Each structure stands twice: as C-alpha cells, then as structure tokens.
C-alpha cells in the first residue's frame, strides 16, 4: 500500500454482510503484520438501515477507529445509494470507489413514499465524486453462484483486484477457510475469483 495510514470504508445496508467483509479484510491485514483498527456505525440494520465499517491500516501506529472526514482512500459500497451517502463526507478527489450496482430499496421506496435515484444518474454522480469508480454487478454474480449473500465476497475480490491493499486472494481465502464451514469454501473461493475478474481490464 502506498498510503500509511490507509483508510477504507465498507458500507451497505443491514443483512448484506459488510461487517463480515470488514472482519475478513481486517484479520487478513493483521496476519500480514499491519496494525488494523476497525470501527463500525449502525443505522436500523435490522430494517435495512445503513451499516458503515471504518478500517484503518498502518505499519507504524495504532489509529483511532473512525476515519476523519474527507480522508478515505477507498470506499467499498455493497449498495449504490450508500456510496452516495458516504462520499460527500469521507471522499476526496482521489478516492477509489468500488460499488455493487444492485440497489436495495428502503421501506420508503417500497411503500411508494420516496423514489430511488435513477441508476444512471447515480452512477454519473459517483464518478464525479471519485478519483476512480469500479461498477460491479456483484449481486448478479452472487445469484449466479446460488446465493445473493455472496455479493460481499464478490466485492472483496473486486477490492483485491484494484491492488489498493497489501493482501492476496489466497490470504483472504485462508481467512475465509478459518471462519467458514468447509461446505462453504468452494463457493466463496468462486465468489472471490469472480469479483476479481469483474474489475480486470
């Protein structure tokens, strides 16, 4: 990593598995001899509220758990509108944003009380707010593998492929194998690989 400290945000809504994704990345970096601090903030996660994980990484020091405003180096969003919620506060002209393209409609949208932003307009705005944007069909890939919840691992694969973090795919796979039952190893390996392929080229 060319930044020390390196500040990463993983954001999504309740039930998407972004806390698990942050734990996997955090533990992998710890095993690579980095000092890692993970802080989380929760909305109404049981009702699809926002869940935000701050991951701060350094070789030199142990940092506070929350990333200062405007100082995120990367944002991984498991839901596109959550990226738009995070970037104005934590982003900057150089931030790299990795976004799952599939919306999760909040109750207000489902009930017809509000309108979800047009995806093309949302993507254009995210491009304006990012130094670089990766738009990943993570939920679709996960569903093709048999379970939409795998989108979080697809997104980890996409993040690894950007080269922003000093972690290999195999080191993340080892961490998954340490924390998942053996019956889940193969499909998670496939999800990670598919995520890497989604941002190649």
N, C-alpha and C. Protein backbone atom coordinates (compact mmCIF):
# COMPACT_ATOMS: atom_id res chain seq x y z
N UNK A 1 0.85 -1.19 0.00
CA UNK A 1 0.00 0.00 0.00
C UNK A 1 0.88 1.23 0.00
N UNK A 2 0.52 2.22 -0.80
CA UNK A 2 1.35 3.42 -0.90
C UNK A 2 0.89 4.53 0.04
N UNK A 3 -0.10 4.25 0.87
CA UNK A 3 -0.57 5.22 1.86
C UNK A 3 -0.42 4.62 3.26
N UNK A 4 0.09 5.40 4.18
CA UNK A 4 0.18 4.95 5.57
C UNK A 4 -0.09 6.15 6.47
N UNK A 5 -1.25 6.16 7.13
CA UNK A 5 -2.25 5.10 7.19
C UNK A 5 -3.09 5.02 5.92
N UNK A 6 -3.70 3.86 5.72
CA UNK A 6 -4.65 3.64 4.64
C UNK A 6 -6.03 3.55 5.25
N UNK A 7 -6.97 4.33 4.71
CA UNK A 7 -8.32 4.41 5.27
C UNK A 7 -9.34 3.83 4.28
N UNK A 8 -10.02 2.79 4.71
CA UNK A 8 -11.00 2.09 3.88
C UNK A 8 -12.36 2.10 4.57
N UNK A 9 -13.40 2.41 3.81
CA UNK A 9 -14.77 2.29 4.30
C UNK A 9 -15.48 1.20 3.52
N UNK A 10 -16.15 0.30 4.25
CA UNK A 10 -17.07 -0.65 3.62
C UNK A 10 -18.46 -0.31 4.12
N UNK A 11 -19.35 -0.01 3.18
CA UNK A 11 -20.69 0.42 3.55
C UNK A 11 -21.75 -0.42 2.84
N UNK A 12 -22.89 -0.51 3.46
CA UNK A 12 -24.01 -1.25 2.88
C UNK A 12 -25.22 -1.07 3.77
N UNK A 13 -26.17 -1.96 3.62
CA UNK A 13 -27.34 -1.94 4.50
C UNK A 13 -27.40 -3.25 5.26
N UNK A 14 -28.18 -3.25 6.33
CA UNK A 14 -28.27 -4.41 7.19
C UNK A 14 -28.61 -5.67 6.42
N UNK A 15 -27.87 -6.73 6.69
CA UNK A 15 -28.12 -8.01 6.05
C UNK A 15 -27.26 -8.30 4.84
N UNK A 16 -26.46 -7.32 4.40
CA UNK A 16 -25.61 -7.54 3.22
C UNK A 16 -24.25 -8.15 3.56
N UNK A 17 -23.89 -8.18 4.82
CA UNK A 17 -22.64 -8.83 5.21
C UNK A 17 -21.42 -7.94 5.14
N UNK A 18 -21.60 -6.61 5.24
CA UNK A 18 -20.41 -5.78 5.15
C UNK A 18 -19.57 -5.83 6.42
N UNK A 19 -20.16 -6.10 7.58
CA UNK A 19 -19.37 -6.25 8.80
C UNK A 19 -18.48 -7.48 8.69
N UNK A 20 -19.02 -8.57 8.17
CA UNK A 20 -18.22 -9.78 7.95
C UNK A 20 -17.09 -9.49 6.97
N UNK A 21 -17.38 -8.77 5.90
CA UNK A 21 -16.34 -8.43 4.92
C UNK A 21 -15.23 -7.62 5.58
N UNK A 22 -15.59 -6.67 6.42
CA UNK A 22 -14.59 -5.85 7.08
C UNK A 22 -13.75 -6.68 8.04
N UNK A 23 -14.37 -7.64 8.71
CA UNK A 23 -13.62 -8.51 9.62
C UNK A 23 -12.64 -9.39 8.86
N UNK A 24 -13.05 -9.91 7.72
CA UNK A 24 -12.15 -10.75 6.92
C UNK A 24 -10.94 -9.96 6.45
N UNK A 25 -11.18 -8.75 5.93
CA UNK A 25 -10.08 -7.90 5.47
C UNK A 25 -9.18 -7.51 6.64
N UNK A 26 -9.80 -7.12 7.75
CA UNK A 26 -9.03 -6.71 8.91
C UNK A 26 -8.13 -7.82 9.44
N UNK A 27 -8.66 -9.02 9.57
CA UNK A 27 -7.87 -10.15 10.07
C UNK A 27 -6.76 -10.54 9.10
N UNK A 28 -7.06 -10.45 7.81
CA UNK A 28 -6.03 -10.76 6.81
C UNK A 28 -4.87 -9.78 6.90
N UNK A 29 -5.18 -8.50 7.04
CA UNK A 29 -4.13 -7.50 7.16
C UNK A 29 -3.34 -7.67 8.46
N UNK A 30 -4.01 -8.03 9.55
CA UNK A 30 -3.30 -8.29 10.80
C UNK A 30 -2.27 -9.40 10.63
N UNK A 31 -2.65 -10.44 9.90
CA UNK A 31 -1.73 -11.55 9.67
C UNK A 31 -0.58 -11.16 8.75
N UNK A 32 -0.77 -10.07 8.00
CA UNK A 32 0.31 -9.52 7.17
C UNK A 32 1.13 -8.48 7.94
N UNK A 33 0.95 -8.46 9.27
CA UNK A 33 1.74 -7.64 10.19
C UNK A 33 1.45 -6.14 10.10
N UNK A 34 0.22 -5.82 9.72
CA UNK A 34 -0.24 -4.44 9.80
C UNK A 34 -0.96 -4.23 11.13
N UNK A 35 -0.97 -2.99 11.57
CA UNK A 35 -1.81 -2.59 12.70
C UNK A 35 -3.15 -2.16 12.11
N UNK A 36 -4.23 -2.76 12.59
CA UNK A 36 -5.55 -2.54 11.99
C UNK A 36 -6.55 -2.16 13.07
N UNK A 37 -7.30 -1.10 12.81
CA UNK A 37 -8.40 -0.72 13.68
C UNK A 37 -9.68 -0.73 12.86
N UNK A 38 -10.71 -1.39 13.39
CA UNK A 38 -12.00 -1.44 12.71
C UNK A 38 -13.05 -0.80 13.60
N UNK A 39 -13.74 0.18 13.08
CA UNK A 39 -14.84 0.82 13.80
C UNK A 39 -16.10 0.70 12.98
N UNK A 40 -17.23 0.53 13.65
CA UNK A 40 -18.49 0.37 12.92
C UNK A 40 -19.56 1.30 13.47
N UNK A 41 -20.39 1.79 12.56
CA UNK A 41 -21.57 2.54 12.96
C UNK A 41 -22.78 1.89 12.30
N UNK A 42 -23.88 1.86 13.01
CA UNK A 42 -25.07 1.15 12.55
C UNK A 42 -26.27 2.09 12.52
N UNK A 43 -27.05 1.95 11.45
CA UNK A 43 -28.38 2.54 11.45
C UNK A 43 -29.35 1.48 11.94
N UNK A 44 -30.54 1.49 11.41
CA UNK A 44 -31.52 0.46 11.77
C UNK A 44 -31.23 -0.78 10.94
N UNK A 45 -30.14 -1.49 11.31
CA UNK A 45 -29.63 -2.56 10.46
C UNK A 45 -30.64 -3.69 10.27
N UNK A 46 -31.48 -3.93 11.28
CA UNK A 46 -32.46 -5.00 11.14
C UNK A 46 -33.57 -4.62 10.17
N UNK A 47 -33.67 -3.35 9.83
CA UNK A 47 -34.68 -2.88 8.88
C UNK A 47 -34.04 -2.37 7.59
N UNK A 48 -32.85 -2.83 7.30
CA UNK A 48 -32.18 -2.39 6.10
C UNK A 48 -31.52 -1.04 6.24
N UNK A 49 -31.21 -0.63 7.47
CA UNK A 49 -30.54 0.65 7.69
C UNK A 49 -29.08 0.59 7.33
N UNK A 50 -28.45 1.76 7.27
CA UNK A 50 -27.05 1.85 6.87
C UNK A 50 -26.13 1.20 7.90
N UNK A 51 -25.12 0.50 7.39
CA UNK A 51 -24.06 -0.07 8.23
C UNK A 51 -22.74 0.37 7.62
N UNK A 52 -21.90 0.99 8.42
CA UNK A 52 -20.66 1.59 7.93
C UNK A 52 -19.49 1.06 8.74
N UNK A 53 -18.52 0.46 8.05
CA UNK A 53 -17.31 -0.04 8.71
C UNK A 53 -16.12 0.81 8.29
N UNK A 54 -15.39 1.32 9.28
CA UNK A 54 -14.16 2.07 9.06
C UNK A 54 -12.99 1.13 9.31
N UNK A 55 -12.10 0.97 8.35
CA UNK A 55 -10.92 0.12 8.51
C UNK A 55 -9.69 1.00 8.31
N UNK A 56 -8.88 1.11 9.35
CA UNK A 56 -7.69 1.97 9.31
C UNK A 56 -6.45 1.08 9.46
N UNK A 57 -5.51 1.23 8.55
CA UNK A 57 -4.40 0.29 8.41
C UNK A 57 -3.08 1.06 8.41
N UNK A 58 -2.12 0.57 9.20
CA UNK A 58 -0.81 1.22 9.25
C UNK A 58 0.25 0.20 9.64
N UNK A 59 1.46 0.40 9.17
CA UNK A 59 2.62 -0.35 9.64
C UNK A 59 3.23 0.29 10.87
N UNK A 60 2.90 1.57 11.10
CA UNK A 60 3.62 2.37 12.08
C UNK A 60 2.89 2.57 13.39
N UNK A 61 1.57 2.66 13.36
CA UNK A 61 0.85 3.11 14.54
C UNK A 61 -0.55 2.49 14.62
N UNK A 62 -1.09 2.48 15.82
CA UNK A 62 -2.47 2.09 16.03
C UNK A 62 -3.31 3.36 16.02
N UNK A 63 -4.34 3.36 15.19
CA UNK A 63 -5.12 4.57 14.95
C UNK A 63 -6.47 4.53 15.64
N UNK A 64 -7.10 5.68 15.77
CA UNK A 64 -8.47 5.73 16.27
C UNK A 64 -9.41 5.02 15.30
N UNK A 65 -10.59 4.61 15.80
CA UNK A 65 -11.45 3.74 14.99
C UNK A 65 -12.21 4.43 13.87
N UNK A 66 -12.33 5.73 13.88
CA UNK A 66 -13.14 6.41 12.86
C UNK A 66 -12.26 7.24 11.94
N UNK A 67 -12.51 7.11 10.65
CA UNK A 67 -11.76 7.84 9.63
C UNK A 67 -12.18 9.32 9.67
N UNK A 68 -11.22 10.23 9.67
CA UNK A 68 -11.59 11.65 9.64
C UNK A 68 -12.31 12.01 8.33
N UNK A 69 -13.14 13.02 8.41
CA UNK A 69 -13.88 13.47 7.24
C UNK A 69 -12.93 13.80 6.10
N UNK A 70 -13.28 13.35 4.90
CA UNK A 70 -12.52 13.68 3.71
C UNK A 70 -11.25 12.88 3.49
N UNK A 71 -11.00 11.88 4.34
CA UNK A 71 -9.71 11.20 4.27
C UNK A 71 -9.80 9.71 3.95
N UNK A 72 -10.89 9.25 3.37
CA UNK A 72 -10.96 7.86 2.91
C UNK A 72 -10.16 7.72 1.63
N UNK A 73 -9.36 6.66 1.57
CA UNK A 73 -8.63 6.36 0.34
C UNK A 73 -9.47 5.45 -0.58
N UNK A 74 -10.35 4.66 0.03
CA UNK A 74 -11.20 3.77 -0.76
C UNK A 74 -12.53 3.59 -0.05
N UNK A 75 -13.58 3.47 -0.85
CA UNK A 75 -14.92 3.16 -0.35
C UNK A 75 -15.45 1.98 -1.13
N UNK A 76 -15.83 0.93 -0.40
CA UNK A 76 -16.48 -0.23 -1.00
C UNK A 76 -17.94 -0.19 -0.56
N UNK A 77 -18.84 -0.09 -1.53
CA UNK A 77 -20.26 0.04 -1.23
C UNK A 77 -21.01 -1.17 -1.75
N UNK A 78 -21.66 -1.88 -0.85
CA UNK A 78 -22.46 -3.04 -1.25
C UNK A 78 -23.82 -2.63 -1.79
N UNK A 79 -24.11 -1.34 -1.74
CA UNK A 79 -25.38 -0.80 -2.24
C UNK A 79 -25.08 0.59 -2.80
N UNK A 80 -25.51 0.91 -4.03
CA UNK A 80 -25.06 2.14 -4.68
C UNK A 80 -25.46 3.44 -3.99
N UNK A 81 -26.66 3.52 -3.46
CA UNK A 81 -27.07 4.76 -2.80
C UNK A 81 -26.26 5.00 -1.52
N UNK A 82 -25.78 3.92 -0.89
CA UNK A 82 -24.95 4.08 0.30
C UNK A 82 -23.61 4.71 -0.06
N UNK A 83 -23.10 4.42 -1.25
CA UNK A 83 -21.87 5.09 -1.71
C UNK A 83 -22.11 6.60 -1.81
N UNK A 84 -23.25 6.97 -2.34
CA UNK A 84 -23.58 8.39 -2.47
C UNK A 84 -23.76 9.05 -1.11
N UNK A 85 -24.19 8.28 -0.14
CA UNK A 85 -24.35 8.81 1.22
C UNK A 85 -22.98 9.07 1.87
N UNK A 86 -22.02 8.21 1.57
CA UNK A 86 -20.72 8.25 2.25
C UNK A 86 -19.74 9.23 1.61
N UNK A 87 -19.70 9.27 0.28
CA UNK A 87 -18.65 10.01 -0.41
C UNK A 87 -18.60 11.51 -0.09
N UNK A 88 -19.72 12.21 0.01
CA UNK A 88 -19.61 13.65 0.31
C UNK A 88 -18.92 13.92 1.65
N UNK A 89 -19.05 13.02 2.61
CA UNK A 89 -18.42 13.22 3.92
C UNK A 89 -17.00 12.70 3.98
N UNK A 90 -16.74 11.53 3.41
CA UNK A 90 -15.45 10.88 3.61
C UNK A 90 -14.57 10.85 2.36
N UNK A 91 -15.15 11.13 1.19
CA UNK A 91 -14.39 11.05 -0.04
C UNK A 91 -13.54 12.29 -0.30
N UNK A 92 -12.83 12.24 -1.41
CA UNK A 92 -11.99 13.33 -1.87
C UNK A 92 -11.71 13.09 -3.35
N UNK A 93 -10.94 13.95 -3.97
CA UNK A 93 -10.76 13.87 -5.42
C UNK A 93 -10.01 12.62 -5.86
N UNK A 94 -9.31 11.96 -4.93
CA UNK A 94 -8.51 10.78 -5.27
C UNK A 94 -9.12 9.47 -4.82
N UNK A 95 -10.25 9.50 -4.13
CA UNK A 95 -10.80 8.29 -3.54
C UNK A 95 -11.18 7.28 -4.63
N UNK A 96 -10.89 6.01 -4.36
CA UNK A 96 -11.29 4.92 -5.25
C UNK A 96 -12.56 4.31 -4.69
N UNK A 97 -13.58 4.20 -5.54
CA UNK A 97 -14.88 3.72 -5.10
C UNK A 97 -15.23 2.44 -5.85
N UNK A 98 -15.58 1.40 -5.10
CA UNK A 98 -15.97 0.11 -5.68
C UNK A 98 -17.41 -0.14 -5.27
N UNK A 99 -18.32 -0.21 -6.25
CA UNK A 99 -19.75 -0.19 -5.95
C UNK A 99 -20.45 -1.41 -6.53
N UNK A 100 -21.25 -2.06 -5.71
CA UNK A 100 -22.18 -3.08 -6.18
C UNK A 100 -23.34 -2.37 -6.87
N UNK A 101 -23.63 -2.73 -8.11
CA UNK A 101 -24.60 -1.99 -8.91
C UNK A 101 -26.06 -2.24 -8.54
N UNK A 102 -26.34 -3.27 -7.73
CA UNK A 102 -27.73 -3.65 -7.45
C UNK A 102 -28.29 -2.86 -6.27
N UNK A 103 -29.36 -2.09 -6.48
CA UNK A 103 -29.96 -1.34 -5.37
C UNK A 103 -30.67 -2.25 -4.37
N UNK A 104 -30.72 -1.79 -3.13
CA UNK A 104 -31.61 -2.37 -2.11
C UNK A 104 -32.58 -1.27 -1.74
N UNK A 105 -33.83 -1.41 -2.13
CA UNK A 105 -34.80 -0.35 -1.91
C UNK A 105 -35.24 -0.28 -0.45
N UNK A 106 -35.13 0.88 0.17
CA UNK A 106 -35.60 1.04 1.55
C UNK A 106 -37.12 0.99 1.60
N UNK A 107 -37.62 0.88 2.82
CA UNK A 107 -39.07 0.73 3.01
C UNK A 107 -39.84 1.91 2.41
N UNK A 108 -39.28 3.10 2.49
CA UNK A 108 -39.97 4.27 1.95
C UNK A 108 -40.19 4.15 0.45
N UNK A 109 -39.21 3.58 -0.25
CA UNK A 109 -39.36 3.38 -1.69
C UNK A 109 -40.37 2.28 -1.96
N UNK A 110 -40.28 1.19 -1.21
CA UNK A 110 -41.21 0.06 -1.39
C UNK A 110 -42.65 0.51 -1.14
N UNK A 111 -42.82 1.38 -0.14
CA UNK A 111 -44.15 1.87 0.20
C UNK A 111 -44.64 2.98 -0.72
N UNK A 112 -43.78 3.42 -1.64
CA UNK A 112 -44.16 4.48 -2.56
C UNK A 112 -44.07 5.88 -1.98
N UNK A 113 -43.43 6.03 -0.82
CA UNK A 113 -43.33 7.34 -0.18
C UNK A 113 -42.18 8.17 -0.74
N UNK A 114 -41.13 7.51 -1.22
CA UNK A 114 -39.98 8.19 -1.81
C UNK A 114 -39.60 7.45 -3.10
N UNK A 115 -38.68 8.03 -3.85
CA UNK A 115 -38.25 7.46 -5.12
C UNK A 115 -36.75 7.18 -5.05
N UNK A 116 -36.36 5.98 -5.47
CA UNK A 116 -34.93 5.65 -5.51
C UNK A 116 -34.31 6.40 -6.70
N UNK A 117 -33.08 6.91 -6.54
CA UNK A 117 -32.45 7.65 -7.65
C UNK A 117 -32.30 6.79 -8.90
N UNK A 118 -32.40 7.41 -10.06
CA UNK A 118 -32.13 6.73 -11.32
C UNK A 118 -30.69 6.22 -11.30
N UNK A 119 -30.49 4.95 -11.66
CA UNK A 119 -29.16 4.35 -11.53
C UNK A 119 -28.12 5.02 -12.42
N UNK A 120 -28.50 5.42 -13.62
CA UNK A 120 -27.54 6.09 -14.50
C UNK A 120 -27.11 7.42 -13.91
N UNK A 121 -28.06 8.15 -13.36
CA UNK A 121 -27.74 9.44 -12.72
C UNK A 121 -26.88 9.21 -11.48
N UNK A 122 -27.22 8.17 -10.71
CA UNK A 122 -26.46 7.84 -9.51
C UNK A 122 -25.02 7.48 -9.86
N UNK A 123 -24.85 6.66 -10.88
CA UNK A 123 -23.50 6.26 -11.31
C UNK A 123 -22.69 7.47 -11.77
N UNK A 124 -23.33 8.36 -12.53
CA UNK A 124 -22.65 9.57 -13.00
C UNK A 124 -22.19 10.43 -11.84
N UNK A 125 -23.05 10.56 -10.81
CA UNK A 125 -22.69 11.35 -9.64
C UNK A 125 -21.53 10.72 -8.88
N UNK A 126 -21.54 9.39 -8.77
CA UNK A 126 -20.44 8.69 -8.09
C UNK A 126 -19.13 8.87 -8.83
N UNK A 127 -19.19 8.89 -10.16
CA UNK A 127 -17.99 9.14 -10.95
C UNK A 127 -17.44 10.54 -10.67
N UNK A 128 -18.34 11.50 -10.53
CA UNK A 128 -17.92 12.87 -10.24
C UNK A 128 -17.25 12.98 -8.87
N UNK A 129 -17.71 12.18 -7.93
CA UNK A 129 -17.21 12.24 -6.56
C UNK A 129 -15.99 11.37 -6.31
N UNK A 130 -15.57 10.59 -7.31
CA UNK A 130 -14.49 9.63 -7.13
C UNK A 130 -13.32 9.93 -8.05
N UNK A 131 -12.12 9.58 -7.59
CA UNK A 131 -10.98 9.61 -8.47
C UNK A 131 -11.06 8.48 -9.49
N UNK A 132 -11.55 7.33 -9.02
CA UNK A 132 -11.77 6.18 -9.89
C UNK A 132 -12.96 5.40 -9.36
N UNK A 133 -13.82 4.95 -10.28
CA UNK A 133 -15.01 4.20 -9.90
C UNK A 133 -15.00 2.84 -10.58
N UNK A 134 -15.21 1.79 -9.78
CA UNK A 134 -15.42 0.44 -10.30
C UNK A 134 -16.89 0.08 -10.03
N UNK A 135 -17.62 -0.22 -11.08
CA UNK A 135 -19.05 -0.54 -11.01
C UNK A 135 -19.19 -2.04 -11.24
N UNK A 136 -19.57 -2.78 -10.20
CA UNK A 136 -19.51 -4.24 -10.22
C UNK A 136 -20.91 -4.83 -10.06
N UNK A 137 -21.26 -5.76 -10.94
CA UNK A 137 -22.56 -6.44 -10.84
C UNK A 137 -22.49 -7.57 -9.82
N UNK A 138 -22.14 -7.22 -8.59
CA UNK A 138 -21.82 -8.22 -7.58
C UNK A 138 -23.01 -9.09 -7.20
N UNK A 139 -24.18 -8.50 -7.04
CA UNK A 139 -25.35 -9.29 -6.66
C UNK A 139 -25.72 -10.28 -7.76
N UNK A 140 -25.65 -9.83 -9.01
CA UNK A 140 -25.94 -10.72 -10.13
C UNK A 140 -24.96 -11.89 -10.17
N UNK A 141 -23.68 -11.59 -9.98
CA UNK A 141 -22.66 -12.65 -9.94
C UNK A 141 -22.96 -13.62 -8.81
N UNK A 142 -23.29 -13.07 -7.63
CA UNK A 142 -23.59 -13.91 -6.47
C UNK A 142 -24.79 -14.81 -6.72
N UNK A 143 -25.82 -14.26 -7.34
CA UNK A 143 -27.02 -15.05 -7.62
C UNK A 143 -26.71 -16.18 -8.61
N UNK A 144 -25.83 -15.91 -9.55
CA UNK A 144 -25.42 -16.96 -10.49
C UNK A 144 -24.65 -18.07 -9.79
N UNK A 145 -24.03 -17.74 -8.66
CA UNK A 145 -23.33 -18.74 -7.85
C UNK A 145 -24.26 -19.43 -6.86
N UNK A 146 -25.51 -18.94 -6.78
CA UNK A 146 -26.50 -19.63 -5.98
C UNK A 146 -27.01 -18.91 -4.75
N UNK A 147 -26.43 -17.74 -4.39
CA UNK A 147 -26.88 -17.07 -3.17
C UNK A 147 -26.45 -15.60 -3.21
N UNK A 148 -27.43 -14.69 -3.15
CA UNK A 148 -27.15 -13.26 -3.23
C UNK A 148 -26.24 -12.77 -2.11
N UNK A 149 -26.22 -13.46 -0.97
CA UNK A 149 -25.40 -13.02 0.16
C UNK A 149 -23.91 -13.09 -0.17
N UNK A 150 -23.54 -13.83 -1.21
CA UNK A 150 -22.14 -13.92 -1.61
C UNK A 150 -21.63 -12.63 -2.23
N UNK A 151 -22.51 -11.66 -2.44
CA UNK A 151 -22.08 -10.39 -3.05
C UNK A 151 -20.98 -9.73 -2.24
N UNK A 152 -20.99 -9.89 -0.92
CA UNK A 152 -19.95 -9.26 -0.12
C UNK A 152 -18.57 -9.84 -0.44
N UNK A 153 -18.50 -11.15 -0.69
CA UNK A 153 -17.22 -11.78 -1.04
C UNK A 153 -16.83 -11.41 -2.48
N UNK A 154 -17.81 -11.31 -3.37
CA UNK A 154 -17.53 -10.82 -4.73
C UNK A 154 -16.88 -9.44 -4.64
N UNK A 155 -17.41 -8.59 -3.79
CA UNK A 155 -16.87 -7.24 -3.65
C UNK A 155 -15.47 -7.24 -3.04
N UNK A 156 -15.20 -8.19 -2.15
CA UNK A 156 -13.84 -8.32 -1.63
C UNK A 156 -12.88 -8.68 -2.76
N UNK A 157 -13.32 -9.57 -3.65
CA UNK A 157 -12.49 -9.91 -4.80
C UNK A 157 -12.21 -8.70 -5.67
N UNK A 158 -13.23 -7.90 -5.89
CA UNK A 158 -13.05 -6.68 -6.69
C UNK A 158 -12.06 -5.73 -6.01
N UNK A 159 -12.18 -5.58 -4.70
CA UNK A 159 -11.27 -4.72 -3.95
C UNK A 159 -9.83 -5.22 -4.06
N UNK A 160 -9.63 -6.52 -3.89
CA UNK A 160 -8.28 -7.09 -4.01
C UNK A 160 -7.68 -6.79 -5.38
N UNK A 161 -8.50 -6.93 -6.42
CA UNK A 161 -8.00 -6.76 -7.78
C UNK A 161 -7.59 -5.32 -8.08
N UNK A 162 -8.12 -4.36 -7.35
CA UNK A 162 -7.70 -2.97 -7.56
C UNK A 162 -6.24 -2.77 -7.19
N UNK A 163 -5.68 -3.64 -6.35
CA UNK A 163 -4.30 -3.51 -5.91
C UNK A 163 -4.09 -2.49 -4.81
N UNK A 164 -5.17 -1.98 -4.24
CA UNK A 164 -5.05 -0.97 -3.20
C UNK A 164 -4.54 -1.53 -1.88
N UNK A 165 -4.85 -2.78 -1.60
CA UNK A 165 -4.49 -3.39 -0.33
C UNK A 165 -3.36 -4.40 -0.50
N UNK A 166 -2.54 -4.51 0.51
CA UNK A 166 -1.44 -5.47 0.51
C UNK A 166 -1.93 -6.83 1.00
N UNK A 167 -2.86 -7.40 0.23
CA UNK A 167 -3.39 -8.73 0.54
C UNK A 167 -3.54 -9.50 -0.77
N UNK A 168 -3.32 -10.79 -0.71
CA UNK A 168 -3.51 -11.64 -1.88
C UNK A 168 -4.85 -12.35 -1.78
N UNK A 169 -5.31 -12.85 -2.91
CA UNK A 169 -6.54 -13.63 -2.90
C UNK A 169 -6.40 -14.85 -2.01
N UNK A 170 -5.25 -15.50 -2.06
CA UNK A 170 -5.05 -16.71 -1.25
C UNK A 170 -5.10 -16.42 0.24
N UNK A 171 -4.56 -15.26 0.64
CA UNK A 171 -4.59 -14.93 2.07
C UNK A 171 -6.02 -14.69 2.54
N UNK A 172 -6.85 -14.11 1.68
CA UNK A 172 -8.26 -13.91 2.03
C UNK A 172 -8.98 -15.26 2.05
N UNK A 173 -8.67 -16.12 1.12
CA UNK A 173 -9.26 -17.46 1.11
C UNK A 173 -8.91 -18.21 2.40
N UNK A 174 -7.66 -18.10 2.83
CA UNK A 174 -7.26 -18.76 4.09
C UNK A 174 -8.08 -18.23 5.26
N UNK A 175 -8.34 -16.92 5.27
CA UNK A 175 -9.13 -16.33 6.34
C UNK A 175 -10.57 -16.83 6.28
N UNK A 176 -11.13 -16.92 5.09
CA UNK A 176 -12.48 -17.47 4.92
C UNK A 176 -12.53 -18.90 5.42
N UNK A 177 -11.52 -19.69 5.08
CA UNK A 177 -11.49 -21.10 5.50
C UNK A 177 -11.36 -21.24 7.01
N UNK A 178 -10.72 -20.25 7.64
CA UNK A 178 -10.60 -20.27 9.10
C UNK A 178 -11.91 -19.94 9.81
N UNK A 179 -12.85 -19.31 9.08
CA UNK A 179 -14.06 -18.80 9.72
C UNK A 179 -15.36 -19.34 9.16
N UNK A 180 -15.30 -20.10 8.07
CA UNK A 180 -16.48 -20.68 7.44
C UNK A 180 -16.40 -22.21 7.52
N UNK A 181 -17.55 -22.89 7.55
CA UNK A 181 -17.52 -24.35 7.46
C UNK A 181 -16.99 -24.80 6.10
N UNK A 182 -16.41 -25.98 6.05
CA UNK A 182 -15.79 -26.47 4.82
C UNK A 182 -16.77 -26.50 3.65
N UNK A 183 -18.04 -26.71 3.94
CA UNK A 183 -19.04 -26.78 2.88
C UNK A 183 -19.19 -25.45 2.13
N UNK A 184 -18.70 -24.34 2.73
CA UNK A 184 -18.81 -23.02 2.12
C UNK A 184 -17.53 -22.58 1.41
N UNK A 185 -16.46 -23.35 1.52
CA UNK A 185 -15.18 -22.91 1.00
C UNK A 185 -15.19 -22.72 -0.52
N UNK A 186 -15.70 -23.71 -1.23
CA UNK A 186 -15.62 -23.69 -2.69
C UNK A 186 -16.40 -22.52 -3.28
N UNK A 187 -17.63 -22.31 -2.81
CA UNK A 187 -18.44 -21.25 -3.40
C UNK A 187 -17.88 -19.87 -3.05
N UNK A 188 -17.28 -19.72 -1.88
CA UNK A 188 -16.67 -18.44 -1.53
C UNK A 188 -15.40 -18.18 -2.33
N UNK A 189 -14.64 -19.22 -2.61
CA UNK A 189 -13.48 -19.07 -3.48
C UNK A 189 -13.93 -18.61 -4.88
N UNK A 190 -15.00 -19.23 -5.38
CA UNK A 190 -15.52 -18.84 -6.69
C UNK A 190 -16.00 -17.39 -6.67
N UNK A 191 -16.67 -16.98 -5.59
CA UNK A 191 -17.17 -15.61 -5.48
C UNK A 191 -16.01 -14.61 -5.48
N UNK A 192 -14.96 -14.93 -4.76
CA UNK A 192 -13.79 -14.04 -4.71
C UNK A 192 -13.16 -13.92 -6.10
N UNK A 193 -13.01 -15.05 -6.77
CA UNK A 193 -12.41 -15.05 -8.11
C UNK A 193 -13.26 -14.26 -9.10
N UNK A 194 -14.58 -14.47 -9.05
CA UNK A 194 -15.48 -13.75 -9.96
C UNK A 194 -15.42 -12.24 -9.71
N UNK A 195 -15.27 -11.84 -8.45
CA UNK A 195 -15.14 -10.42 -8.14
C UNK A 195 -13.87 -9.83 -8.71
N UNK A 196 -12.78 -10.60 -8.64
CA UNK A 196 -11.52 -10.14 -9.22
C UNK A 196 -11.65 -9.99 -10.74
N UNK A 197 -12.30 -10.97 -11.35
CA UNK A 197 -12.47 -10.93 -12.81
C UNK A 197 -13.34 -9.75 -13.24
N UNK A 198 -14.25 -9.33 -12.36
CA UNK A 198 -15.20 -8.27 -12.72
C UNK A 198 -14.52 -6.92 -12.91
N UNK A 199 -13.35 -6.70 -12.32
CA UNK A 199 -12.67 -5.42 -12.47
C UNK A 199 -11.39 -5.55 -13.29
N UNK A 200 -11.10 -6.72 -13.82
CA UNK A 200 -9.91 -6.91 -14.64
C UNK A 200 -10.12 -6.24 -15.99
N UNK A 201 -9.17 -5.43 -16.39
CA UNK A 201 -9.26 -4.76 -17.69
C UNK A 201 -10.27 -3.66 -17.70
